Amino acid sequence: MAIKIGFSSMKGGVGKSTLSLVTASILHYEYGYPVTIIDCDDPQYSIVEMRKREASLVSREGSAQRRVQAFYESYEGGQLKVRAYTPSSTSSAFEDILNNEVDQDGYVIVDFPGRWTEGATAFLALKMDYIISPIEPTVHSLQTSVGFANSLQRLVTMEELKGRYSLKEVFLVWNKVKKQIPAHMRIMTGFESTILPTLKAKLFDNVLYDSVRFGKEFGKSPDEEFLLSTLLPPAKFVRERTGVDEFISELITKCTK
């Protein structure tokens, strides 16, 4: 079975969708895993809409088309699969994607909705193998994210749910950290000394620094050196000192079948 990893948070703006796409892209285009990313972020479906813009862009002759063609001349793994799913729709629709459109030797990356307004979203979370929740080093982000992650982790340990669902572990990961901002470092240090010892969810060892670098989109500015894309991997030189490659390596180790 494919490994199902959901990126979710109860706080908007923490970089959930960007991190889910960067993760899926690196796993697929650089590690060579077959990956399907399922966009559940209703109503904007930012990743699905990005793929549409990119498809339109590369259908026209120009630098974007040449750049994509050049990449696929040496890469034989095909495009990252992008699918949409609405958690309020029937669970059978999600199962159809898993059974018919997913390579069972790879990964399914799920970008969850920004708000959990439907019970179906919680049900979908229980169908994941792992949930990763990005947190920013701000008081508001901690207050929202820690309680959310701990609540999900409690479901993992409930005896009456064991064997009925596949969720194994809930993780937090520091995101959008800036070393040059003293408040970020103070909050992270305080978290490790006061909250981490009692945290029910687990914390990734690696930290994601300055991940706002991944904010520009290929479909809107194709001539830039690096842009977020469903068709291309993020450029390695932009990833330097962001911690994203170390995060992906840790994810592969922690999120196993």
C-alpha atoms as a PDB file:
ATOM      1  CA  MET A   1       0.000   0.000   0.000  1.00  0.00           C
ATOM      2  CA  ALA A   2       1.114   3.553  -0.683  1.00  0.00           C
ATOM      3  CA  ILE A   3       2.162   5.621   2.330  1.00  0.00           C
ATOM      4  CA  LYS A   4      -0.460   8.304   2.984  1.00  0.00           C
ATOM      5  CA  ILE A   5       0.796  11.552   4.522  1.00  0.00           C
ATOM      6  CA  GLY A   6      -1.550  14.435   5.257  1.00  0.00           C
ATOM      7  CA  PHE A   7      -0.377  18.022   5.734  1.00  0.00           C
ATOM      8  CA  SER A   8      -2.839  19.797   7.991  1.00  0.00           C
ATOM      9  CA  SER A   9      -3.180  22.718  10.377  1.00  0.00           C
ATOM     10  CA  MET A  10      -5.950  24.604  12.105  1.00  0.00           C
ATOM     11  CA  LYS A  11      -4.114  27.873  11.460  1.00  0.00           C
ATOM     12  CA  GLY A  12      -3.942  29.452   8.016  1.00  0.00           C
ATOM     13  CA  GLY A  13      -0.757  30.826   6.532  1.00  0.00           C
ATOM     14  CA  VAL A  14       1.662  28.342   8.114  1.00  0.00           C
ATOM     15  CA  GLY A  15       2.798  27.050   4.711  1.00  0.00           C
ATOM     16  CA  LYS A  16       0.799  23.824   4.643  1.00  0.00           C
ATOM     17  CA  SER A  17       0.008  23.744   0.918  1.00  0.00           C
ATOM     18  CA  THR A  18       3.468  24.921  -0.127  1.00  0.00           C
ATOM     19  CA  LEU A  19       5.182  22.333   2.053  1.00  0.00           C
ATOM     20  CA  SER A  20       2.928  19.534   0.811  1.00  0.00           C
ATOM     21  CA  LEU A  21       3.754  20.384  -2.815  1.00  0.00           C
ATOM     22  CA  VAL A  22       7.497  20.827  -2.212  1.00  0.00           C
ATOM     23  CA  THR A  23       7.536  17.465  -0.404  1.00  0.00           C
ATOM     24  CA  ALA A  24       5.611  15.684  -3.150  1.00  0.00           C
ATOM     25  CA  SER A  25       7.765  17.267  -5.859  1.00  0.00           C
ATOM     26  CA  ILE A  26      11.108  16.280  -4.310  1.00  0.00           C
ATOM     27  CA  LEU A  27       9.936  12.744  -3.499  1.00  0.00           C
ATOM     28  CA  HIS A  28       8.735  12.281  -7.068  1.00  0.00           C
ATOM     29  CA  TYR A  29      11.181  14.160  -9.269  1.00  0.00           C
ATOM     30  CA  GLU A  30      14.375  13.587  -7.282  1.00  0.00           C
ATOM     31  CA  TYR A  31      13.937  10.425  -5.207  1.00  0.00           C
ATOM     32  CA  GLY A  32      12.007   8.749  -8.004  1.00  0.00           C
ATOM     33  CA  TYR A  33       9.017   7.632  -5.925  1.00  0.00           C
ATOM     34  CA  PRO A  34       5.639   7.490  -7.650  1.00  0.00           C
ATOM     35  CA  VAL A  35       3.664  10.226  -5.890  1.00  0.00           C
ATOM     36  CA  THR A  36       0.068  11.409  -6.090  1.00  0.00           C
ATOM     37  CA  ILE A  37      -0.829  14.681  -4.407  1.00  0.00           C
ATOM     38  CA  ILE A  38      -4.496  15.038  -3.464  1.00  0.00           C
ATOM     39  CA  ASP A  39      -5.702  18.608  -3.066  1.00  0.00           C
ATOM     40  CA  CYS A  40      -8.506  18.792  -0.491  1.00  0.00           C
ATOM     41  CA  ASP A  41      -8.163  22.509   0.194  1.00  0.00           C
ATOM     42  CA  ASP A  42     -11.710  23.484  -0.719  1.00  0.00           C
ATOM     43  CA  PRO A  43     -12.724  25.910  -2.177  1.00  0.00           C
ATOM     44  CA  GLN A  44      -9.515  27.318  -3.681  1.00  0.00           C
ATOM     45  CA  TYR A  45      -7.828  24.003  -4.620  1.00  0.00           C
ATOM     46  CA  SER A  46      -4.595  25.930  -5.119  1.00  0.00           C
ATOM     47  CA  ILE A  47      -2.522  22.960  -6.283  1.00  0.00           C
ATOM     48  CA  VAL A  48      -5.101  21.758  -8.809  1.00  0.00           C
ATOM     49  CA  GLU A  49      -5.490  25.292 -10.148  1.00  0.00           C
ATOM     50  CA  MET A  50      -1.711  25.633 -10.355  1.00  0.00           C
ATOM     51  CA  ARG A  51      -1.516  22.515 -12.519  1.00  0.00           C
ATOM     52  CA  LYS A  52      -4.176  23.999 -14.837  1.00  0.00           C
ATOM     53  CA  ARG A  53      -2.229  27.246 -15.205  1.00  0.00           C
ATOM     54  CA  GLU A  54       0.970  25.352 -15.894  1.00  0.00           C
ATOM     55  CA  ALA A  55      -0.693  23.129 -18.484  1.00  0.00           C
ATOM     56  CA  SER A  56      -1.959  26.205 -20.300  1.00  0.00           C
ATOM     57  CA  LEU A  57       1.439  27.889 -20.080  1.00  0.00           C
ATOM     58  CA  VAL A  58       3.500  25.001 -21.440  1.00  0.00           C
ATOM     59  CA  SER A  59       1.017  24.388 -24.269  1.00  0.00           C
ATOM     60  CA  ARG A  60       2.254  27.629 -25.826  1.00  0.00           C
ATOM     61  CA  GLU A  61       5.644  28.002 -27.459  1.00  0.00           C
ATOM     62  CA  GLY A  62       8.064  29.928 -25.275  1.00  0.00           C
ATOM     63  CA  SER A  63      10.682  29.684 -22.528  1.00  0.00           C
ATOM     64  CA  ALA A  64       8.377  27.822 -20.129  1.00  0.00           C
ATOM     65  CA  GLN A  65       7.617  25.130 -22.684  1.00  0.00           C
ATOM     66  CA  ARG A  66      11.321  24.745 -23.522  1.00  0.00           C
ATOM     67  CA  ARG A  67      12.262  24.520 -19.868  1.00  0.00           C
ATOM     68  CA  VAL A  68       9.738  21.773 -19.147  1.00  0.00           C
ATOM     69  CA  GLN A  69      10.641  19.854 -22.302  1.00  0.00           C
ATOM     70  CA  ALA A  70      14.334  19.992 -21.397  1.00  0.00           C
ATOM     71  CA  PHE A  71      13.607  18.559 -17.949  1.00  0.00           C
ATOM     72  CA  TYR A  72      11.539  15.634 -19.244  1.00  0.00           C
ATOM     73  CA  GLU A  73      14.163  14.739 -21.846  1.00  0.00           C
ATOM     74  CA  SER A  74      16.275  13.402 -18.979  1.00  0.00           C
ATOM     75  CA  TYR A  75      13.544  12.502 -16.499  1.00  0.00           C
ATOM     76  CA  GLU A  76      11.492   9.403 -17.287  1.00  0.00           C
ATOM     77  CA  GLY A  77       9.199   9.236 -14.274  1.00  0.00           C
ATOM     78  CA  GLY A  78       6.342  11.246 -15.749  1.00  0.00           C
ATOM     79  CA  GLN A  79       4.472  14.108 -14.135  1.00  0.00           C
ATOM     80  CA  LEU A  80       3.523  14.276 -10.498  1.00  0.00           C
ATOM     81  CA  LYS A  81      -0.121  13.178 -10.298  1.00  0.00           C
ATOM     82  CA  VAL A  82      -2.468  15.905  -9.030  1.00  0.00           C
ATOM     83  CA  ARG A  83      -6.022  15.091  -8.000  1.00  0.00           C
ATOM     84  CA  ALA A  84      -8.842  16.933  -6.210  1.00  0.00           C
ATOM     85  CA  TYR A  85     -11.041  15.592  -3.442  1.00  0.00           C
ATOM     86  CA  THR A  86     -13.684  17.260  -1.294  1.00  0.00           C
ATOM     87  CA  PRO A  87     -13.829  15.762   2.227  1.00  0.00           C
ATOM     88  CA  SER A  88     -17.605  16.317   2.391  1.00  0.00           C
ATOM     89  CA  SER A  89     -18.100  14.008  -0.598  1.00  0.00           C
ATOM     90  CA  THR A  90     -18.440  10.255  -0.150  1.00  0.00           C
ATOM     91  CA  SER A  91     -15.482   8.378   1.275  1.00  0.00           C
ATOM     92  CA  SER A  92     -15.783   5.966  -1.653  1.00  0.00           C
ATOM     93  CA  ALA A  93     -14.562   8.764  -3.953  1.00  0.00           C
ATOM     94  CA  PHE A  94     -11.345   8.941  -1.935  1.00  0.00           C
ATOM     95  CA  GLU A  95     -11.021   5.166  -1.970  1.00  0.00           C
ATOM     96  CA  ASP A  96     -11.468   5.205  -5.761  1.00  0.00           C
ATOM     97  CA  ILE A  97      -8.480   7.554  -6.087  1.00  0.00           C
ATOM     98  CA  LEU A  98      -6.390   5.328  -3.816  1.00  0.00           C
ATOM     99  CA  ASN A  99      -7.360   2.113  -5.596  1.00  0.00           C
ATOM    100  CA  ASN A 100      -7.353   3.285  -9.213  1.00  0.00           C
ATOM    101  CA  GLU A 101      -4.990   6.238  -9.531  1.00  0.00           C
ATOM    102  CA  VAL A 102      -2.226   5.638  -6.997  1.00  0.00           C
ATOM    103  CA  ASP A 103       0.914   3.529  -7.367  1.00  0.00           C
ATOM    104  CA  GLN A 104       0.901   1.309  -4.290  1.00  0.00           C
ATOM    105  CA  ASP A 105       4.701   1.414  -4.004  1.00  0.00           C
ATOM    106  CA  GLY A 106       4.797   5.188  -3.615  1.00  0.00           C
ATOM    107  CA  TYR A 107       3.376   8.053  -1.595  1.00  0.00           C
ATOM    108  CA  VAL A 108       0.062   9.852  -1.369  1.00  0.00           C
ATOM    109  CA  ILE A 109       0.471  13.429  -0.148  1.00  0.00           C
ATOM    110  CA  VAL A 110      -2.786  15.041   0.971  1.00  0.00           C
ATOM    111  CA  ASP A 111      -3.181  18.803   1.342  1.00  0.00           C
ATOM    112  CA  PHE A 112      -5.974  19.170   3.903  1.00  0.00           C
ATOM    113  CA  PRO A 113      -8.498  22.025   4.008  1.00  0.00           C
ATOM    114  CA  GLY A 114      -7.431  25.109   5.931  1.00  0.00           C
ATOM    115  CA  ARG A 115     -10.507  24.792   8.160  1.00  0.00           C
ATOM    116  CA  TRP A 116     -12.036  21.640   9.590  1.00  0.00           C
ATOM    117  CA  THR A 117     -15.715  22.480   9.192  1.00  0.00           C
ATOM    118  CA  GLU A 118     -16.845  18.976   8.292  1.00  0.00           C
ATOM    119  CA  GLY A 119     -16.746  15.757  10.293  1.00  0.00           C
ATOM    120  CA  ALA A 120     -15.648  14.189   7.025  1.00  0.00           C
ATOM    121  CA  THR A 121     -12.300  15.992   7.374  1.00  0.00           C
ATOM    122  CA  ALA A 122     -11.592  14.253  10.691  1.00  0.00           C
ATOM    123  CA  PHE A 123     -12.629  10.953   9.127  1.00  0.00           C
ATOM    124  CA  LEU A 124     -10.185  11.596   6.280  1.00  0.00           C
ATOM    125  CA  ALA A 125      -7.409  12.283   8.805  1.00  0.00           C
ATOM    126  CA  LEU A 126      -7.953   8.867  10.340  1.00  0.00           C
ATOM    127  CA  LYS A 127      -7.416   7.345   6.891  1.00  0.00           C
ATOM    128  CA  MET A 128      -3.906   8.818   6.697  1.00  0.00           C
ATOM    129  CA  ASP A 129      -0.888   6.871   7.885  1.00  0.00           C
ATOM    130  CA  TYR A 130       0.715  10.081   9.146  1.00  0.00           C
ATOM    131  CA  ILE A 131      -0.289  13.703   9.714  1.00  0.00           C
ATOM    132  CA  ILE A 132       2.320  16.475   9.556  1.00  0.00           C
ATOM    133  CA  SER A 133       1.302  19.856  10.946  1.00  0.00           C
ATOM    134  CA  PRO A 134       3.592  22.846  10.223  1.00  0.00           C
ATOM    135  CA  ILE A 135       3.958  25.387  13.035  1.00  0.00           C
ATOM    136  CA  GLU A 136       5.413  28.882  12.999  1.00  0.00           C
ATOM    137  CA  PRO A 137       7.435  30.222  15.966  1.00  0.00           C
ATOM    138  CA  THR A 138       4.656  32.556  17.095  1.00  0.00           C
ATOM    139  CA  VAL A 139       2.487  32.374  20.201  1.00  0.00           C
ATOM    140  CA  HIS A 140      -0.742  32.182  18.183  1.00  0.00           C
ATOM    141  CA  SER A 141       0.572  29.355  15.995  1.00  0.00           C
ATOM    142  CA  LEU A 142       1.674  27.365  19.041  1.00  0.00           C
ATOM    143  CA  GLN A 143      -1.619  27.800  20.840  1.00  0.00           C
ATOM    144  CA  THR A 144      -3.563  26.588  17.804  1.00  0.00           C
ATOM    145  CA  SER A 145      -1.240  23.928  16.439  1.00  0.00           C
ATOM    146  CA  VAL A 146      -0.173  22.112  19.601  1.00  0.00           C
ATOM    147  CA  GLY A 147      -3.737  21.531  20.787  1.00  0.00           C
ATOM    148  CA  PHE A 148      -4.765  20.378  17.318  1.00  0.00           C
ATOM    149  CA  ALA A 149      -1.878  17.911  16.995  1.00  0.00           C
ATOM    150  CA  ASN A 150      -2.355  16.538  20.517  1.00  0.00           C
ATOM    151  CA  SER A 151      -6.063  15.969  19.872  1.00  0.00           C
ATOM    152  CA  LEU A 152      -5.284  13.961  16.759  1.00  0.00           C
ATOM    153  CA  GLN A 153      -2.579  11.992  18.543  1.00  0.00           C
ATOM    154  CA  ARG A 154      -5.076  11.009  21.250  1.00  0.00           C
ATOM    155  CA  LEU A 155      -7.165   9.340  18.532  1.00  0.00           C
ATOM    156  CA  VAL A 156      -4.140   7.222  17.592  1.00  0.00           C
ATOM    157  CA  THR A 157      -3.931   5.817  21.119  1.00  0.00           C
ATOM    158  CA  MET A 158      -7.659   5.187  21.677  1.00  0.00           C
ATOM    159  CA  GLU A 159      -8.156   1.463  22.122  1.00  0.00           C
ATOM    160  CA  GLU A 160     -11.618   1.478  20.526  1.00  0.00           C
ATOM    161  CA  LEU A 161     -10.185   2.914  17.294  1.00  0.00           C
ATOM    162  CA  LYS A 162      -7.168   0.648  16.952  1.00  0.00           C
ATOM    163  CA  GLY A 163      -7.379  -1.568  13.892  1.00  0.00           C
ATOM    164  CA  ARG A 164     -10.259   0.430  12.410  1.00  0.00           C
ATOM    165  CA  TYR A 165      -8.192   3.264  10.951  1.00  0.00           C
ATOM    166  CA  SER A 166      -4.687   3.610   9.590  1.00  0.00           C
ATOM    167  CA  LEU A 167      -3.409   6.764  11.365  1.00  0.00           C
ATOM    168  CA  LYS A 168      -0.157   5.855  13.122  1.00  0.00           C
ATOM    169  CA  GLU A 169       1.486   9.105  14.163  1.00  0.00           C
ATOM    170  CA  VAL A 170       1.044  12.881  14.248  1.00  0.00           C
ATOM    171  CA  PHE A 171       4.049  15.163  13.790  1.00  0.00           C
ATOM    172  CA  LEU A 172       4.740  18.859  14.167  1.00  0.00           C
ATOM    173  CA  VAL A 173       7.468  20.593  12.153  1.00  0.00           C
ATOM    174  CA  TRP A 174       8.846  24.104  12.612  1.00  0.00           C
ATOM    175  CA  ASN A 175       8.277  26.112   9.437  1.00  0.00           C
ATOM    176  CA  LYS A 176       8.996  29.673   8.263  1.00  0.00           C
ATOM    177  CA  VAL A 177      11.691  30.087  10.902  1.00  0.00           C
ATOM    178  CA  LYS A 178      14.056  33.037  10.555  1.00  0.00           C
ATOM    179  CA  LYS A 179      17.280  32.794  12.536  1.00  0.00           C
ATOM    180  CA  GLN A 180      17.752  36.559  12.399  1.00  0.00           C
ATOM    181  CA  ILE A 181      14.555  37.167  14.380  1.00  0.00           C
ATOM    182  CA  PRO A 182      15.372  36.754  18.106  1.00  0.00           C
ATOM    183  CA  ALA A 183      11.726  36.163  19.028  1.00  0.00           C
ATOM    184  CA  HIS A 184      11.659  33.044  16.839  1.00  0.00           C
ATOM    185  CA  MET A 185      14.627  31.560  18.673  1.00  0.00           C
ATOM    186  CA  ARG A 186      13.181  32.438  22.102  1.00  0.00           C
ATOM    187  CA  ILE A 187       9.830  30.837  21.316  1.00  0.00           C
ATOM    188  CA  MET A 188      11.461  27.664  20.014  1.00  0.00           C
ATOM    189  CA  THR A 189      13.728  27.415  23.049  1.00  0.00           C
ATOM    190  CA  GLY A 190      10.798  27.951  25.405  1.00  0.00           C
ATOM    191  CA  PHE A 191       8.760  25.345  23.542  1.00  0.00           C
ATOM    192  CA  GLU A 192      11.485  22.728  23.901  1.00  0.00           C
ATOM    193  CA  SER A 193      11.855  23.325  27.631  1.00  0.00           C
ATOM    194  CA  THR A 194       8.196  23.660  28.661  1.00  0.00           C
ATOM    195  CA  ILE A 195       5.866  22.120  26.050  1.00  0.00           C
ATOM    196  CA  LEU A 196       7.888  19.431  24.289  1.00  0.00           C
ATOM    197  CA  PRO A 197       8.285  17.193  27.389  1.00  0.00           C
ATOM    198  CA  THR A 198       4.487  16.821  27.641  1.00  0.00           C
ATOM    199  CA  LEU A 199       3.729  16.859  23.915  1.00  0.00           C
ATOM    200  CA  LYS A 200       1.651  13.890  22.781  1.00  0.00           C
ATOM    201  CA  ALA A 201       2.420  14.463  19.095  1.00  0.00           C
ATOM    202  CA  LYS A 202       6.036  14.176  17.944  1.00  0.00           C
ATOM    203  CA  LEU A 203       8.309  16.941  16.667  1.00  0.00           C
ATOM    204  CA  PHE A 204      10.542  16.641  13.611  1.00  0.00           C
ATOM    205  CA  ASP A 205      14.218  17.076  14.451  1.00  0.00           C
ATOM    206  CA  ASN A 206      14.854  19.217  11.389  1.00  0.00           C
ATOM    207  CA  VAL A 207      13.660  22.807  11.117  1.00  0.00           C
ATOM    208  CA  LEU A 208      12.490  24.588   7.945  1.00  0.00           C
ATOM    209  CA  TYR A 209      14.149  27.979   7.603  1.00  0.00           C
ATOM    210  CA  ASP A 210      13.139  30.823   5.318  1.00  0.00           C
ATOM    211  CA  SER A 211      10.690  28.611   3.406  1.00  0.00           C
ATOM    212  CA  VAL A 212       8.985  31.709   2.000  1.00  0.00           C
ATOM    213  CA  ARG A 213      11.545  31.273  -0.804  1.00  0.00           C
ATOM    214  CA  PHE A 214       9.178  28.681  -2.247  1.00  0.00           C
ATOM    215  CA  GLY A 215       6.314  31.141  -2.637  1.00  0.00           C
ATOM    216  CA  LYS A 216       6.662  32.136  -6.296  1.00  0.00           C
ATOM    217  CA  GLU A 217       4.748  30.131  -8.867  1.00  0.00           C
ATOM    218  CA  PHE A 218       6.112  28.833 -12.163  1.00  0.00           C
ATOM    219  CA  GLY A 219       2.747  29.283 -13.870  1.00  0.00           C
ATOM    220  CA  LYS A 220       2.809  33.032 -13.162  1.00  0.00           C
ATOM    221  CA  SER A 221       6.529  33.887 -13.576  1.00  0.00           C
ATOM    222  CA  PRO A 222       8.079  31.183 -15.796  1.00  0.00           C
ATOM    223  CA  ASP A 223      11.322  33.026 -16.520  1.00  0.00           C
ATOM    224  CA  GLU A 224      12.470  33.104 -12.884  1.00  0.00           C
ATOM    225  CA  GLU A 225      15.210  30.702 -11.799  1.00  0.00           C
ATOM    226  CA  PHE A 226      13.077  28.936  -9.221  1.00  0.00           C
ATOM    227  CA  LEU A 227       9.348  28.771  -8.879  1.00  0.00           C
ATOM    228  CA  LEU A 228       6.898  26.492  -7.128  1.00  0.00           C
ATOM    229  CA  SER A 229       5.637  23.965  -9.648  1.00  0.00           C
ATOM    230  CA  THR A 230       3.749  20.707 -10.070  1.00  0.00           C
ATOM    231  CA  LEU A 231       5.798  19.948 -13.212  1.00  0.00           C
ATOM    232  CA  LEU A 232       9.342  20.612 -11.993  1.00  0.00           C
ATOM    233  CA  PRO A 233      11.314  20.039  -8.777  1.00  0.00           C
ATOM    234  CA  PRO A 234      12.417  23.047  -6.728  1.00  0.00           C
ATOM    235  CA  ALA A 235      15.919  24.201  -7.666  1.00  0.00           C
ATOM    236  CA  LYS A 236      18.613  22.867  -5.352  1.00  0.00           C
ATOM    237  CA  PHE A 237      20.423  26.160  -4.949  1.00  0.00           C
ATOM    238  CA  VAL A 238      17.265  27.762  -3.544  1.00  0.00           C
ATOM    239  CA  ARG A 239      16.855  24.894  -1.079  1.00  0.00           C
ATOM    240  CA  GLU A 240      20.289  25.450   0.441  1.00  0.00           C
ATOM    241  CA  ARG A 241      20.134  26.329   4.139  1.00  0.00           C
ATOM    242  CA  THR A 242      16.334  25.988   4.218  1.00  0.00           C
ATOM    243  CA  GLY A 243      16.474  22.530   5.815  1.00  0.00           C
ATOM    244  CA  VAL A 244      13.964  21.119   3.318  1.00  0.00           C
ATOM    245  CA  ASP A 245      16.238  18.334   2.064  1.00  0.00           C
ATOM    246  CA  GLU A 246      17.027  17.260   5.621  1.00  0.00           C
ATOM    247  CA  PHE A 247      13.285  17.335   6.374  1.00  0.00           C
ATOM    248  CA  ILE A 248      12.512  15.086   3.379  1.00  0.00           C
ATOM    249  CA  SER A 249      15.213  12.631   4.424  1.00  0.00           C
ATOM    250  CA  GLU A 250      13.797  12.521   7.959  1.00  0.00           C
ATOM    251  CA  LEU A 251      10.264  12.100   6.591  1.00  0.00           C
ATOM    252  CA  ILE A 252      11.330   9.051   4.564  1.00  0.00           C
ATOM    253  CA  THR A 253      12.855   7.549   7.705  1.00  0.00           C
ATOM    254  CA  LYS A 254       9.948   8.333  10.026  1.00  0.00           C
ATOM    255  CA  CYS A 255       6.980   7.744   7.708  1.00  0.00           C
ATOM    256  CA  THR A 256       7.240   4.073   6.819  1.00  0.00           C
ATOM    257  CA  LYS A 257       4.720   1.390   5.902  1.00  0.00           C
END
